[in-house]
């Protein structure tokens, strides 16, 4: 059980790696903060 303000808040970021030309090498990478995604408990 959290005992401090913000202790249970999500932190970090999500990385997205893409292969844009189908050569099986990731050639595009982007990252966004975890807060960018909805955190309503739904999948």
Protein backbone atom coordinates (compact mmCIF):
# COMPACT_ATOMS: atom_id res chain seq x y z
CA UNK A 1 0.00 0.00 0.00
CA UNK A 2 1.46 3.40 -0.99
CA UNK A 3 2.21 5.74 1.87
CA UNK A 4 3.38 8.87 0.03
CA UNK A 5 1.81 11.21 -2.49
CA UNK A 6 2.33 9.99 -6.03
CA UNK A 7 4.00 6.76 -4.97
CA UNK A 8 1.57 4.64 -6.98
CA UNK A 9 1.52 6.98 -10.00
CA UNK A 10 2.67 5.38 -13.27
CA UNK A 11 6.13 6.44 -14.41
CA UNK A 12 8.32 5.71 -17.39
CA UNK A 13 7.68 5.77 -21.10
CA UNK A 14 6.61 3.46 -23.87
CA UNK A 15 8.94 2.84 -26.82
CA UNK A 16 7.56 1.99 -30.24
CA UNK A 17 9.90 0.31 -32.75
CA UNK A 18 8.85 -0.04 -36.40
CA UNK A 19 10.17 -1.80 -39.47
CA UNK A 20 9.00 0.55 -42.21
CA UNK A 21 10.46 -1.28 -45.23
CA UNK A 22 9.95 -4.95 -44.24
CA UNK A 23 13.65 -5.86 -44.04
CA UNK A 24 13.28 -7.13 -40.45
CA UNK A 25 15.39 -4.28 -39.06
CA UNK A 26 13.75 -1.69 -36.82
CA UNK A 27 14.47 1.60 -38.55
CA UNK A 28 12.03 3.94 -36.81
CA UNK A 29 11.80 4.44 -33.07
CA UNK A 30 9.63 6.77 -31.04
CA UNK A 31 8.89 7.15 -27.36
CA UNK A 32 6.11 8.79 -25.43
CA UNK A 33 5.47 9.26 -21.71
CA UNK A 34 3.29 6.68 -20.01
CA UNK A 35 0.80 9.43 -19.13
CA UNK A 36 0.05 9.75 -22.87
CA UNK A 37 -2.02 6.57 -22.68
CA UNK A 38 -5.34 6.34 -20.87
CA UNK A 39 -5.03 4.57 -17.55
CA UNK A 40 -8.68 3.74 -16.91
CA UNK A 41 -7.96 0.03 -16.37
CA UNK A 42 -9.36 -1.00 -19.77
CA UNK A 43 -7.26 -3.00 -22.22
